[in-house]
C-alpha atoms as a PDB file:
ATOM      1  CA  MET A   1      50.893 -22.818 -77.667  1.00  0.00           C
ATOM      2  CA  SER A   2      50.124 -20.283 -80.342  1.00  0.00           C
ATOM      3  CA  THR A   3      51.680 -17.361 -78.396  1.00  0.00           C
ATOM      4  CA  PRO A   4      54.447 -15.766 -80.488  1.00  0.00           C
ATOM      5  CA  THR A   5      57.910 -16.152 -79.027  1.00  0.00           C
ATOM      6  CA  PRO A   6      60.003 -13.051 -78.260  1.00  0.00           C
ATOM      7  CA  GLY A   7      62.576 -12.090 -80.799  1.00  0.00           C
ATOM      8  CA  LEU A   8      60.843 -13.524 -83.841  1.00  0.00           C
ATOM      9  CA  SER A   9      58.772 -10.548 -84.854  1.00  0.00           C
ATOM     10  CA  GLY A  10      61.595  -8.888 -86.739  1.00  0.00           C
ATOM     11  CA  ALA A  11      62.861 -11.910 -88.609  1.00  0.00           C
ATOM     12  CA  ARG A  12      61.329 -10.730 -91.869  1.00  0.00           C
ATOM     13  CA  GLY A  13      61.491  -7.020 -91.132  1.00  0.00           C
ATOM     14  CA  ALA A  14      64.307  -4.766 -90.050  1.00  0.00           C
ATOM     15  CA  GLY A  15      66.413  -7.690 -88.847  1.00  0.00           C
ATOM     16  CA  ALA A  16      66.552  -9.389 -92.251  1.00  0.00           C
ATOM     17  CA  HIS A  17      69.854  -9.263 -94.097  1.00  0.00           C
ATOM     18  CA  PRO A  18      69.948  -7.306 -97.364  1.00  0.00           C
ATOM     19  CA  ALA A  19      69.667  -9.447-100.478  1.00  0.00           C
ATOM     20  CA  PRO A  20      72.866  -9.952-102.500  1.00  0.00           C
ATOM     21  CA  ASP A  21      73.188  -8.465-105.981  1.00  0.00           C
ATOM     22  CA  SER A  22      70.867 -10.601-108.117  1.00  0.00           C
ATOM     23  CA  ALA A  23      73.143 -10.219-111.117  1.00  0.00           C
ATOM     24  CA  THR A  24      76.046 -11.959-109.418  1.00  0.00           C
ATOM     25  CA  TRP A  25      74.416 -14.290-106.893  1.00  0.00           C
ATOM     26  CA  GLU A  26      72.051 -17.260-107.082  1.00  0.00           C
ATOM     27  CA  PRO A  27      70.946 -19.479-104.203  1.00  0.00           C
ATOM     28  CA  ASP A  28      72.484 -22.932-104.129  1.00  0.00           C
ATOM     29  CA  LEU A  29      69.521 -25.314-104.126  1.00  0.00           C
ATOM     30  CA  SER A  30      71.335 -28.304-105.578  1.00  0.00           C
ATOM     31  CA  GLY A  31      71.053 -30.243-102.363  1.00  0.00           C
ATOM     32  CA  ALA A  32      67.461 -29.333-101.557  1.00  0.00           C
ATOM     33  CA  GLU A  33      65.913 -32.668-102.509  1.00  0.00           C
ATOM     34  CA  GLY A  34      68.426 -34.880-100.773  1.00  0.00           C
ATOM     35  CA  ALA A  35      68.878 -32.703 -97.715  1.00  0.00           C
ATOM     36  CA  GLY A  36      65.340 -31.372 -97.360  1.00  0.00           C
ATOM     37  CA  ALA A  37      64.206 -27.914 -98.356  1.00  0.00           C
ATOM     38  CA  ARG A  38      66.529 -25.100 -97.266  1.00  0.00           C
ATOM     39  CA  ALA A  39      65.524 -22.138 -95.137  1.00  0.00           C
ATOM     40  CA  GLU A  40      63.276 -19.683 -96.924  1.00  0.00           C
ATOM     41  CA  ALA A  41      64.943 -17.196 -99.245  1.00  0.00           C
ATOM     42  CA  GLY A  42      65.923 -14.070 -97.344  1.00  0.00           C
ATOM     43  CA  SER A  43      65.959 -15.799 -93.942  1.00  0.00           C
ATOM     44  CA  PRO A  44      69.275 -15.902 -92.073  1.00  0.00           C
ATOM     45  CA  GLU A  45      71.039 -19.255 -92.027  1.00  0.00           C
ATOM     46  CA  VAL A  46      70.772 -21.061 -88.713  1.00  0.00           C
ATOM     47  CA  ASP A  47      73.072 -23.872 -87.600  1.00  0.00           C
ATOM     48  CA  VAL A  48      70.743 -25.720 -85.230  1.00  0.00           C
ATOM     49  CA  ALA A  49      73.627 -27.914 -84.052  1.00  0.00           C
ATOM     50  CA  SER A  50      75.154 -24.822 -82.441  1.00  0.00           C
ATOM     51  CA  LEU A  51      71.986 -24.015 -80.483  1.00  0.00           C
ATOM     52  CA  PRO A  52      71.375 -25.293 -76.937  1.00  0.00           C
ATOM     53  CA  GLY A  53      69.847 -28.757 -77.229  1.00  0.00           C
ATOM     54  CA  GLY A  54      70.664 -29.049 -80.935  1.00  0.00           C
ATOM     55  CA  ALA A  55      68.144 -30.121 -83.552  1.00  0.00           C
ATOM     56  CA  GLU A  56      65.924 -31.791 -80.966  1.00  0.00           C
ATOM     57  CA  ALA A  57      65.413 -28.564 -79.029  1.00  0.00           C
ATOM     58  CA  ALA A  58      65.017 -26.543 -82.230  1.00  0.00           C
ATOM     59  CA  LEU A  59      62.207 -28.791 -83.441  1.00  0.00           C
ATOM     60  CA  GLU A  60      60.578 -28.699 -80.011  1.00  0.00           C
ATOM     61  CA  ALA A  61      60.637 -24.894 -80.060  1.00  0.00           C
ATOM     62  CA  VAL A  62      58.983 -24.774 -83.470  1.00  0.00           C
ATOM     63  CA  LEU A  63      56.309 -27.324 -82.594  1.00  0.00           C
ATOM     64  CA  MET A  64      55.504 -25.617 -79.296  1.00  0.00           C
ATOM     65  CA  VAL A  65      54.406 -22.430 -81.071  1.00  0.00           C
ATOM     66  CA  ALA A  66      52.717 -24.079 -84.057  1.00  0.00           C
ATOM     67  CA  ASP A  67      48.947 -23.641 -83.968  1.00  0.00           C
ATOM     68  CA  ALA A  68      48.425 -26.281 -86.655  1.00  0.00           C
ATOM     69  CA  PRO A  69      50.181 -29.496 -87.723  1.00  0.00           C
ATOM     70  CA  VAL A  70      53.459 -28.906 -89.572  1.00  0.00           C
ATOM     71  CA  SER A  71      54.624 -31.180 -92.381  1.00  0.00           C
ATOM     72  CA  VAL A  72      58.016 -32.849 -92.052  1.00  0.00           C
ATOM     73  CA  GLU A  73      59.151 -31.099 -95.223  1.00  0.00           C
ATOM     74  CA  ARG A  74      58.300 -27.724 -93.702  1.00  0.00           C
ATOM     75  CA  LEU A  75      60.108 -28.619 -90.487  1.00  0.00           C
ATOM     76  CA  ALA A  76      63.154 -29.702 -92.478  1.00  0.00           C
ATOM     77  CA  ALA A  77      63.151 -26.362 -94.293  1.00  0.00           C
ATOM     78  CA  ILE A  78      62.937 -24.436 -91.040  1.00  0.00           C
ATOM     79  CA  VAL A  79      65.857 -26.212 -89.351  1.00  0.00           C
ATOM     80  CA  ALA A  80      67.815 -26.661 -92.623  1.00  0.00           C
ATOM     81  CA  LEU A  81      68.323 -30.402 -92.161  1.00  0.00           C
ATOM     82  CA  PRO A  82      67.641 -33.417 -94.407  1.00  0.00           C
ATOM     83  CA  VAL A  83      64.068 -34.672 -94.273  1.00  0.00           C
ATOM     84  CA  GLY A  84      65.241 -38.142 -93.255  1.00  0.00           C
ATOM     85  CA  ASP A  85      67.204 -36.746 -90.307  1.00  0.00           C
ATOM     86  CA  VAL A  86      64.211 -34.717 -89.160  1.00  0.00           C
ATOM     87  CA  VAL A  87      61.935 -37.770 -89.354  1.00  0.00           C
ATOM     88  CA  GLY A  88      64.369 -39.692 -87.159  1.00  0.00           C
ATOM     89  CA  VAL A  89      64.542 -36.900 -84.587  1.00  0.00           C
ATOM     90  CA  LEU A  90      60.747 -36.596 -84.457  1.00  0.00           C
ATOM     91  CA  HIS A  91      60.285 -40.297 -83.821  1.00  0.00           C
ATOM     92  CA  GLU A  92      62.950 -40.210 -81.109  1.00  0.00           C
ATOM     93  CA  LEU A  93      61.241 -37.261 -79.430  1.00  0.00           C
ATOM     94  CA  ALA A  94      57.867 -39.004 -79.620  1.00  0.00           C
ATOM     95  CA  ALA A  95      59.348 -42.113 -77.967  1.00  0.00           C
ATOM     96  CA  GLU A  96      61.044 -39.988 -75.304  1.00  0.00           C
ATOM     97  CA  TYR A  97      57.782 -38.243 -74.437  1.00  0.00           C
ATOM     98  CA  ARG A  98      56.066 -41.643 -74.091  1.00  0.00           C
ATOM     99  CA  GLY A  99      58.685 -42.668 -71.539  1.00  0.00           C
ATOM    100  CA  GLU A 100      60.280 -45.270 -73.794  1.00  0.00           C
ATOM    101  CA  ARG A 101      63.798 -43.885 -73.353  1.00  0.00           C
ATOM    102  CA  GLY A 102      64.025 -44.339 -69.611  1.00  0.00           C
ATOM    103  CA  GLY A 103      62.373 -41.135 -68.477  1.00  0.00           C
ATOM    104  CA  ARG A 104      58.870 -40.569 -67.175  1.00  0.00           C
ATOM    105  CA  PRO A 105      55.922 -40.337 -69.577  1.00  0.00           C
ATOM    106  CA  ARG A 106      55.109 -36.693 -70.272  1.00  0.00           C
ATOM    107  CA  GLY A 107      51.748 -35.010 -70.064  1.00  0.00           C
ATOM    108  CA  PHE A 108      52.010 -34.271 -73.773  1.00  0.00           C
ATOM    109  CA  GLU A 109      52.828 -36.314 -76.840  1.00  0.00           C
ATOM    110  CA  LEU A 110      54.142 -35.742 -80.341  1.00  0.00           C
ATOM    111  CA  ARG A 111      52.044 -37.277 -83.109  1.00  0.00           C
ATOM    112  CA  GLU A 112      52.031 -37.335 -86.876  1.00  0.00           C
ATOM    113  CA  GLY A 113      48.607 -36.821 -88.386  1.00  0.00           C
ATOM    114  CA  ALA A 114      47.258 -36.393 -91.864  1.00  0.00           C
ATOM    115  CA  GLN A 115      48.461 -32.784 -92.027  1.00  0.00           C
ATOM    116  CA  GLY A 116      51.811 -33.165 -90.272  1.00  0.00           C
ATOM    117  CA  TRP A 117      53.366 -33.238 -86.808  1.00  0.00           C
ATOM    118  CA  ARG A 118      51.993 -31.519 -83.754  1.00  0.00           C
ATOM    119  CA  VAL A 119      52.261 -31.578 -79.962  1.00  0.00           C
ATOM    120  CA  TYR A 120      49.078 -32.699 -78.183  1.00  0.00           C
ATOM    121  CA  SER A 121      48.144 -33.166 -74.561  1.00  0.00           C
ATOM    122  CA  ALA A 122      48.303 -36.844 -73.643  1.00  0.00           C
ATOM    123  CA  PRO A 123      44.897 -38.595 -73.798  1.00  0.00           C
ATOM    124  CA  ALA A 124      45.434 -40.023 -70.310  1.00  0.00           C
ATOM    125  CA  HIS A 125      45.186 -36.490 -68.914  1.00  0.00           C
ATOM    126  CA  ALA A 126      42.137 -35.402 -70.894  1.00  0.00           C
ATOM    127  CA  ASP A 127      39.938 -35.041 -67.805  1.00  0.00           C
ATOM    128  CA  VAL A 128      42.506 -32.826 -66.090  1.00  0.00           C
ATOM    129  CA  VAL A 129      42.972 -30.625 -69.159  1.00  0.00           C
ATOM    130  CA  ALA A 130      39.201 -30.338 -69.538  1.00  0.00           C
ATOM    131  CA  ARG A 131      39.014 -28.551 -66.185  1.00  0.00           C
ATOM    132  CA  LEU A 132      41.048 -25.730 -67.678  1.00  0.00           C
ATOM    133  CA  VAL A 133      39.699 -25.450 -71.210  1.00  0.00           C
ATOM    134  CA  LEU A 134      36.013 -26.284 -70.816  1.00  0.00           C
ATOM    135  CA  GLU A 135      35.196 -23.859 -67.982  1.00  0.00           C
ATOM    136  CA  GLY A 136      31.915 -25.594 -67.288  1.00  0.00           C
ATOM    137  CA  GLN A 137      30.884 -25.901 -70.917  1.00  0.00           C
ATOM    138  CA  SER A 138      30.843 -29.166 -72.800  1.00  0.00           C
ATOM    139  CA  ALA A 139      33.062 -29.212 -75.882  1.00  0.00           C
ATOM    140  CA  ARG A 140      31.938 -32.674 -76.877  1.00  0.00           C
ATOM    141  CA  LEU A 141      29.925 -33.223 -80.007  1.00  0.00           C
ATOM    142  CA  SER A 142      26.307 -34.202 -79.489  1.00  0.00           C
ATOM    143  CA  GLN A 143      25.115 -37.676 -80.401  1.00  0.00           C
ATOM    144  CA  ALA A 144      23.372 -36.200 -83.443  1.00  0.00           C
ATOM    145  CA  ALA A 145      26.606 -34.552 -84.578  1.00  0.00           C
ATOM    146  CA  LEU A 146      28.585 -37.765 -84.088  1.00  0.00           C
ATOM    147  CA  GLU A 147      26.050 -39.759 -86.113  1.00  0.00           C
ATOM    148  CA  THR A 148      26.071 -37.178 -88.893  1.00  0.00           C
ATOM    149  CA  LEU A 149      29.869 -37.081 -88.907  1.00  0.00           C
ATOM    150  CA  ALA A 150      29.970 -40.873 -89.183  1.00  0.00           C
ATOM    151  CA  VAL A 151      27.683 -40.866 -92.220  1.00  0.00           C
ATOM    152  CA  ILE A 152      29.784 -38.198 -93.926  1.00  0.00           C
ATOM    153  CA  ALA A 153      33.034 -39.992 -93.103  1.00  0.00           C
ATOM    154  CA  TYR A 154      31.905 -43.322 -94.535  1.00  0.00           C
ATOM    155  CA  ARG A 155      30.000 -42.084 -97.583  1.00  0.00           C
ATOM    156  CA  GLN A 156      31.874 -38.918 -98.599  1.00  0.00           C
ATOM    157  CA  PRO A 157      31.399 -36.944-100.673  1.00  0.00           C
ATOM    158  CA  VAL A 158      27.773 -36.817 -99.615  1.00  0.00           C
ATOM    159  CA  THR A 159      24.896 -34.335 -99.670  1.00  0.00           C
ATOM    160  CA  ARG A 160      22.734 -33.182 -96.779  1.00  0.00           C
ATOM    161  CA  GLY A 161      19.822 -35.060 -98.325  1.00  0.00           C
ATOM    162  CA  GLN A 162      21.719 -38.328 -98.301  1.00  0.00           C
ATOM    163  CA  VAL A 163      22.738 -37.861 -94.674  1.00  0.00           C
ATOM    164  CA  SER A 164      19.148 -37.013 -93.735  1.00  0.00           C
ATOM    165  CA  ALA A 165      17.982 -40.165 -95.531  1.00  0.00           C
ATOM    166  CA  VAL A 166      20.174 -42.306 -93.280  1.00  0.00           C
ATOM    167  CA  ARG A 167      19.415 -40.490 -90.027  1.00  0.00           C
ATOM    168  CA  GLY A 168      15.733 -39.852 -90.716  1.00  0.00           C
ATOM    169  CA  VAL A 169      15.934 -36.224 -89.545  1.00  0.00           C
ATOM    170  CA  ASN A 170      16.938 -32.855 -90.922  1.00  0.00           C
ATOM    171  CA  VAL A 171      20.685 -32.362 -90.471  1.00  0.00           C
ATOM    172  CA  ASP A 172      21.140 -28.757 -91.583  1.00  0.00           C
ATOM    173  CA  GLY A 173      21.957 -27.449 -88.108  1.00  0.00           C
ATOM    174  CA  VAL A 174      24.270 -30.333 -87.297  1.00  0.00           C
ATOM    175  CA  VAL A 175      26.178 -29.920 -90.557  1.00  0.00           C
ATOM    176  CA  ARG A 176      26.678 -26.232 -89.755  1.00  0.00           C
ATOM    177  CA  THR A 177      28.164 -27.246 -86.409  1.00  0.00           C
ATOM    178  CA  LEU A 178      30.556 -29.679 -88.073  1.00  0.00           C
ATOM    179  CA  LEU A 179      31.565 -27.007 -90.581  1.00  0.00           C
ATOM    180  CA  ALA A 180      32.232 -24.541 -87.767  1.00  0.00           C
ATOM    181  CA  ARG A 181      34.388 -27.093 -85.964  1.00  0.00           C
ATOM    182  CA  GLY A 182      36.417 -27.666 -89.131  1.00  0.00           C
ATOM    183  CA  LEU A 183      35.585 -31.381 -89.155  1.00  0.00           C
ATOM    184  CA  VAL A 184      33.826 -31.312 -92.536  1.00  0.00           C
ATOM    185  CA  ALA A 185      34.054 -29.019 -95.551  1.00  0.00           C
ATOM    186  CA  GLU A 186      32.201 -28.282 -98.765  1.00  0.00           C
ATOM    187  CA  VAL A 187      34.005 -30.082-101.575  1.00  0.00           C
ATOM    188  CA  GLY A 188      31.880 -29.337-104.626  1.00  0.00           C
ATOM    189  CA  GLN A 189      28.424 -29.901-106.068  1.00  0.00           C
ATOM    190  CA  ASP A 190      26.587 -33.013-107.125  1.00  0.00           C
ATOM    191  CA  PRO A 191      26.567 -33.015-110.949  1.00  0.00           C
ATOM    192  CA  LEU A 192      22.937 -34.201-111.118  1.00  0.00           C
ATOM    193  CA  SER A 193      21.157 -32.108-108.506  1.00  0.00           C
ATOM    194  CA  GLY A 194      23.606 -29.278-107.864  1.00  0.00           C
ATOM    195  CA  ALA A 195      23.426 -29.988-104.126  1.00  0.00           C
ATOM    196  CA  VAL A 196      26.514 -29.212-102.058  1.00  0.00           C
ATOM    197  CA  LEU A 197      28.774 -32.181-101.341  1.00  0.00           C
ATOM    198  CA  PHE A 198      30.478 -32.583 -97.962  1.00  0.00           C
ATOM    199  CA  ALA A 199      33.564 -34.532 -96.898  1.00  0.00           C
ATOM    200  CA  THR A 200      35.711 -34.803 -93.790  1.00  0.00           C
ATOM    201  CA  THR A 201      38.845 -32.703 -93.375  1.00  0.00           C
ATOM    202  CA  GLY A 202      42.419 -33.168 -92.270  1.00  0.00           C
ATOM    203  CA  GLU A 203      41.348 -31.756 -88.905  1.00  0.00           C
ATOM    204  CA  PHE A 204      38.929 -34.692 -88.548  1.00  0.00           C
ATOM    205  CA  LEU A 205      41.755 -37.167 -89.193  1.00  0.00           C
ATOM    206  CA  ASP A 206      44.036 -35.411 -86.719  1.00  0.00           C
ATOM    207  CA  ARG A 207      41.355 -35.407 -84.014  1.00  0.00           C
ATOM    208  CA  MET A 208      40.876 -39.144 -84.574  1.00  0.00           C
ATOM    209  CA  GLY A 209      44.611 -39.775 -84.538  1.00  0.00           C
ATOM    210  CA  TRP A 210      44.568 -41.181 -88.087  1.00  0.00           C
ATOM    211  CA  GLN A 211      46.694 -40.457 -91.116  1.00  0.00           C
ATOM    212  CA  SER A 212      44.143 -41.489 -93.733  1.00  0.00           C
ATOM    213  CA  LEU A 213      40.538 -42.625 -94.131  1.00  0.00           C
ATOM    214  CA  ASP A 214      41.846 -46.163 -94.655  1.00  0.00           C
ATOM    215  CA  GLU A 215      41.948 -46.370 -90.852  1.00  0.00           C
ATOM    216  CA  LEU A 216      38.181 -46.056 -90.544  1.00  0.00           C
ATOM    217  CA  PRO A 217      36.706 -49.157 -88.852  1.00  0.00           C
ATOM    218  CA  ALA A 218      34.707 -51.562 -90.990  1.00  0.00           C
ATOM    219  CA  THR A 219      31.339 -50.063 -91.882  1.00  0.00           C
ATOM    220  CA  ALA A 220      28.995 -52.960 -91.189  1.00  0.00           C
ATOM    221  CA  PRO A 221      29.106 -53.038 -87.369  1.00  0.00           C
ATOM    222  CA  HIS A 222      28.772 -49.269 -87.044  1.00  0.00           C
ATOM    223  CA  LEU A 223      26.588 -48.004 -89.862  1.00  0.00           C
ATOM    224  CA  PRO A 224      24.374 -50.769 -91.258  1.00  0.00           C
ATOM    225  CA  GLY A 225      22.616 -50.056 -94.505  1.00  0.00           C
ATOM    226  CA  ILE A 226      24.956 -47.293 -95.658  1.00  0.00           C
ATOM    227  CA  ASP A 227      25.015 -48.682 -99.199  1.00  0.00           C
ATOM    228  CA  ALA A 228      21.297 -47.996 -99.453  1.00  0.00           C
ATOM    229  CA  LEU A 229      22.184 -44.343 -99.877  1.00  0.00           C
ATOM    230  CA  ASP A 230      22.569 -44.949-103.589  1.00  0.00           C
ATOM    231  CA  ASP A 231      18.813 -45.599-103.725  1.00  0.00           C
ATOM    232  CA  PHE A 232      17.995 -42.105-102.507  1.00  0.00           C
ATOM    233  CA  GLY A 233      17.844 -39.103-104.766  1.00  0.00           C
ATOM    234  CA  ARG A 234      20.523 -36.499-104.184  1.00  0.00           C
ATOM    235  CA  ALA A 235      19.026 -33.432-102.581  1.00  0.00           C
END
C-alpha cells in the first residue's frame, strides 16, 4: 500500500506551475477554517468532483497509498474540501466496506485511530493475511512483551526499574523489542533518578483499535497491584 502511484513523482518538480508575482498576488485563505485547509501552496488546484468516482474515490486513492494514518484535516487539505464533508465521506466509506450499504463486506476496513484514518485488512481475515506476510515467522509479541507492554500502558510514564518490579524479571531486552516495534517510546527522564521514562505511542493505540488511553480496560482484573509501583524506587 506504500507503493508510489504513477504520475505523482513530478507534482512538486517540473510539473509544478510557476508561482505568481508575490508583489501582486496573495493566496486566499479566508475560507480555510470553515472549509478545511486548502491544497498546499504551489500545488495545482484539483476539483475532486470532476474526477471519476468523485470525492469518495479521491479519498480512497489517497488512503490506499498512505503508509501511516492520515488526519482528517490533512485529508481535507489534499482534496480541498471542508473538514465536515470529508468526515461524512469517510464514515460512509467505512460503512460501505462493512457491508452496511447493501453490498458485501470487504476484506479491508477503514478505521479512525489516534493518529488519523487508515485502511486496514479486516480482522476476520487475519489468518489468511498471515499466510502472506508472516512467511513462516511469528510476528506476534511474546508473552513477556505483552506483559511489559501492559505495565507501561497502565502506569506510563514508567521506568524500566518500575516495570521490572512488577514483573520480577529484567525487562531491558523486551523494552528494546517494544521500542523497535514502535509501540513504546522514550518520553523523558525521571526528575529524581534520571532514569528514562517510557510511554505507549499512537501506533500502540492504532494497533489496539483505540483513539485514546481512556479505552484501556479497568486495571484491577488485568494487572493487580499496579499501584504498588509507587513504593518502589525509580531506577
